[in-house]
């Protein structure tokens, strides 16, 4: 696993963003969006997969520059 930005399935997501799903054999890596407070999903291939944070992103409803804009067009 790769340091502080690698997480196991079913752990709670601490930072929203784009994550790479990496298998131990290094094959079939792909990217997914994971949301803070939710769990990393289980993988079909079972053991050996983990999630690596590629790009952190703030949810729009939590971003300071966008707070208070709900309901506006």
N, C-alpha and C. Protein backbone atom coordinates (compact mmCIF):
# COMPACT_ATOMS: atom_id res chain seq x y z
N UNK A 1 0.84 -1.19 0.00
CA UNK A 1 0.00 0.00 0.00
C UNK A 1 0.88 1.24 0.00
N UNK A 2 0.28 2.33 -0.44
CA UNK A 2 1.06 3.54 -0.66
C UNK A 2 0.83 4.60 0.41
N UNK A 3 1.46 4.48 1.52
CA UNK A 3 1.50 5.53 2.54
C UNK A 3 0.18 6.07 3.03
N UNK A 4 0.14 7.41 3.26
CA UNK A 4 -0.99 8.07 3.88
C UNK A 4 -2.19 8.26 2.96
N UNK A 5 -2.04 7.98 1.67
CA UNK A 5 -3.16 8.20 0.75
C UNK A 5 -3.71 6.89 0.21
N UNK A 6 -3.51 5.79 0.91
CA UNK A 6 -4.04 4.50 0.51
C UNK A 6 -5.00 3.99 1.59
N UNK A 7 -6.16 3.51 1.15
CA UNK A 7 -7.21 3.10 2.08
C UNK A 7 -7.82 1.78 1.65
N UNK A 8 -8.28 1.01 2.62
CA UNK A 8 -8.89 -0.29 2.36
C UNK A 8 -10.39 -0.14 2.14
N UNK A 9 -10.98 -1.09 1.38
CA UNK A 9 -12.43 -1.10 1.25
C UNK A 9 -13.09 -1.12 2.63
N UNK A 10 -14.20 -0.44 2.74
CA UNK A 10 -15.04 -0.33 3.94
C UNK A 10 -14.53 0.67 4.98
N UNK A 11 -13.33 1.23 4.80
CA UNK A 11 -12.88 2.31 5.68
C UNK A 11 -13.73 3.55 5.36
N UNK A 12 -13.82 4.46 6.31
CA UNK A 12 -14.56 5.70 6.09
C UNK A 12 -13.69 6.67 5.32
N UNK A 13 -14.28 7.29 4.31
CA UNK A 13 -13.58 8.28 3.49
C UNK A 13 -13.40 9.55 4.31
N UNK A 14 -12.18 10.01 4.46
CA UNK A 14 -11.90 11.22 5.24
C UNK A 14 -11.80 12.46 4.36
N UNK A 15 -11.49 12.26 3.07
CA UNK A 15 -11.33 13.37 2.13
C UNK A 15 -12.05 13.03 0.84
N UNK A 16 -13.00 13.86 0.44
CA UNK A 16 -13.67 13.65 -0.85
C UNK A 16 -12.69 13.86 -1.97
N UNK A 17 -12.86 13.09 -3.03
CA UNK A 17 -11.99 13.29 -4.18
C UNK A 17 -12.01 12.13 -5.14
N UNK A 18 -11.05 12.16 -6.05
CA UNK A 18 -10.88 11.10 -7.05
C UNK A 18 -9.82 10.14 -6.51
N UNK A 19 -10.18 8.87 -6.49
CA UNK A 19 -9.29 7.82 -6.00
C UNK A 19 -9.02 6.80 -7.10
N UNK A 20 -7.81 6.28 -7.13
CA UNK A 20 -7.48 5.15 -7.98
C UNK A 20 -7.77 3.88 -7.19
N UNK A 21 -8.41 2.93 -7.83
CA UNK A 21 -8.60 1.60 -7.24
C UNK A 21 -7.45 0.76 -7.78
N UNK A 22 -6.59 0.30 -6.88
CA UNK A 22 -5.37 -0.40 -7.27
C UNK A 22 -5.42 -1.82 -6.72
N UNK A 23 -5.18 -2.78 -7.59
CA UNK A 23 -5.11 -4.18 -7.19
C UNK A 23 -3.64 -4.55 -6.99
N UNK A 24 -3.37 -5.51 -6.12
CA UNK A 24 -1.99 -5.89 -5.82
C UNK A 24 -1.20 -6.27 -7.06
N UNK A 25 -1.87 -6.85 -8.04
CA UNK A 25 -1.16 -7.24 -9.26
C UNK A 25 -0.93 -6.06 -10.20
N UNK A 26 -1.48 -4.89 -9.85
CA UNK A 26 -1.29 -3.69 -10.66
C UNK A 26 -2.12 -3.63 -11.92
N UNK A 27 -2.94 -4.63 -12.16
CA UNK A 27 -3.77 -4.67 -13.37
C UNK A 27 -5.13 -4.07 -13.12
N UNK A 28 -5.74 -3.58 -14.17
CA UNK A 28 -7.12 -3.08 -14.14
C UNK A 28 -7.34 -1.95 -13.15
N UNK A 29 -6.37 -1.05 -13.00
CA UNK A 29 -6.53 0.11 -12.14
C UNK A 29 -7.50 1.09 -12.81
N UNK A 30 -8.39 1.68 -12.01
CA UNK A 30 -9.34 2.66 -12.54
C UNK A 30 -9.60 3.70 -11.47
N UNK A 31 -10.30 4.79 -11.86
CA UNK A 31 -10.57 5.88 -10.93
C UNK A 31 -12.04 5.97 -10.58
N UNK A 32 -12.30 6.37 -9.34
CA UNK A 32 -13.67 6.57 -8.85
C UNK A 32 -13.73 7.82 -7.98
N UNK A 33 -14.93 8.34 -7.79
CA UNK A 33 -15.15 9.45 -6.87
C UNK A 33 -15.64 8.89 -5.55
N UNK A 34 -15.03 9.31 -4.45
CA UNK A 34 -15.46 8.89 -3.12
C UNK A 34 -15.75 10.14 -2.30
N UNK A 35 -16.78 10.04 -1.46
CA UNK A 35 -17.29 11.21 -0.73
C UNK A 35 -17.01 11.08 0.76
N UNK A 36 -16.51 12.17 1.33
CA UNK A 36 -16.21 12.24 2.77
C UNK A 36 -17.39 11.75 3.59
N UNK A 37 -17.10 10.90 4.57
CA UNK A 37 -18.12 10.40 5.48
C UNK A 37 -18.75 9.09 5.03
N UNK A 38 -18.62 8.75 3.76
CA UNK A 38 -19.11 7.47 3.26
C UNK A 38 -18.01 6.43 3.41
N UNK A 39 -18.34 5.17 3.12
CA UNK A 39 -17.34 4.10 3.17
C UNK A 39 -16.77 3.85 1.79
N UNK A 40 -15.48 3.49 1.74
CA UNK A 40 -14.93 3.01 0.48
C UNK A 40 -15.65 1.71 0.16
N UNK A 41 -16.08 1.52 -1.08
CA UNK A 41 -16.86 0.33 -1.41
C UNK A 41 -15.99 -0.93 -1.46
N UNK A 42 -16.63 -2.08 -1.25
CA UNK A 42 -15.90 -3.34 -1.43
C UNK A 42 -15.61 -3.52 -2.93
N UNK A 43 -14.63 -4.34 -3.24
CA UNK A 43 -14.32 -4.60 -4.64
C UNK A 43 -14.70 -6.04 -4.99
N UNK A 44 -15.00 -6.27 -6.23
CA UNK A 44 -15.41 -7.61 -6.67
C UNK A 44 -14.27 -8.61 -6.58
N UNK A 45 -13.06 -8.12 -6.72
CA UNK A 45 -11.92 -9.03 -6.72
C UNK A 45 -11.46 -9.39 -5.32
N UNK A 46 -12.14 -8.86 -4.33
CA UNK A 46 -11.83 -9.24 -2.95
C UNK A 46 -10.53 -8.66 -2.43
N UNK A 47 -9.73 -9.50 -1.77
CA UNK A 47 -8.49 -9.06 -1.13
C UNK A 47 -7.53 -8.42 -2.12
N UNK A 48 -6.69 -7.57 -1.58
CA UNK A 48 -5.60 -7.03 -2.36
C UNK A 48 -5.87 -5.70 -3.04
N UNK A 49 -7.08 -5.20 -2.98
CA UNK A 49 -7.37 -3.91 -3.59
C UNK A 49 -7.33 -2.82 -2.53
N UNK A 50 -6.89 -1.64 -2.95
CA UNK A 50 -6.94 -0.49 -2.06
C UNK A 50 -7.21 0.76 -2.89
N UNK A 51 -7.51 1.85 -2.20
CA UNK A 51 -7.83 3.12 -2.84
C UNK A 51 -6.71 4.10 -2.55
N UNK A 52 -6.26 4.80 -3.58
CA UNK A 52 -5.21 5.82 -3.43
C UNK A 52 -5.76 7.17 -3.87
N UNK A 53 -5.67 8.16 -2.99
CA UNK A 53 -6.15 9.49 -3.31
C UNK A 53 -5.30 10.10 -4.42
N UNK A 54 -5.96 10.55 -5.49
CA UNK A 54 -5.27 11.23 -6.58
C UNK A 54 -5.47 12.74 -6.48
N UNK A 55 -6.74 13.15 -6.36
CA UNK A 55 -7.08 14.57 -6.30
C UNK A 55 -8.14 14.79 -5.25
N UNK A 56 -7.83 15.57 -4.23
CA UNK A 56 -8.81 15.93 -3.21
C UNK A 56 -9.73 17.00 -3.79
N UNK A 57 -10.97 17.00 -3.35
CA UNK A 57 -11.94 18.00 -3.81
C UNK A 57 -12.92 18.30 -2.70
N UNK A 58 -13.29 19.56 -2.55
CA UNK A 58 -14.26 19.97 -1.55
C UNK A 58 -15.65 19.89 -2.17
N UNK A 59 -16.57 19.33 -1.44
CA UNK A 59 -17.96 19.30 -1.91
C UNK A 59 -18.46 20.73 -2.05
N UNK A 60 -19.26 21.00 -3.06
CA UNK A 60 -19.72 22.37 -3.31
C UNK A 60 -20.46 22.96 -2.11
N UNK A 61 -21.26 22.15 -1.41
CA UNK A 61 -22.02 22.68 -0.28
C UNK A 61 -21.14 22.94 0.95
N UNK A 62 -19.88 22.52 0.91
CA UNK A 62 -18.96 22.77 2.02
C UNK A 62 -17.92 23.83 1.68
N UNK A 63 -17.87 24.27 0.43
CA UNK A 63 -16.84 25.23 0.02
C UNK A 63 -17.21 26.63 0.50
N UNK A 64 -16.24 27.32 1.13
CA UNK A 64 -16.48 28.64 1.70
C UNK A 64 -16.99 29.65 0.67
N UNK A 65 -16.49 29.59 -0.55
CA UNK A 65 -16.88 30.55 -1.58
C UNK A 65 -18.31 30.33 -2.08
N UNK A 66 -18.89 29.18 -1.75
CA UNK A 66 -20.22 28.85 -2.24
C UNK A 66 -21.25 28.76 -1.13
N UNK A 67 -20.86 28.92 0.11
CA UNK A 67 -21.82 28.82 1.21
C UNK A 67 -22.86 29.94 1.12
N UNK A 68 -24.08 29.59 1.42
CA UNK A 68 -25.15 30.57 1.41
C UNK A 68 -25.74 30.81 0.04
N UNK A 69 -25.32 30.01 -0.94
CA UNK A 69 -25.85 30.22 -2.30
C UNK A 69 -26.97 29.25 -2.64
N UNK A 70 -27.37 28.38 -1.71
CA UNK A 70 -28.43 27.42 -1.97
C UNK A 70 -29.71 28.15 -2.37
N UNK A 71 -30.37 27.65 -3.38
CA UNK A 71 -31.64 28.23 -3.78
C UNK A 71 -31.50 29.41 -4.74
N UNK A 72 -30.31 29.87 -4.98
CA UNK A 72 -30.12 30.97 -5.93
C UNK A 72 -29.94 30.40 -7.33
N UNK A 73 -30.35 31.19 -8.31
CA UNK A 73 -30.14 30.79 -9.71
C UNK A 73 -29.20 31.72 -10.39
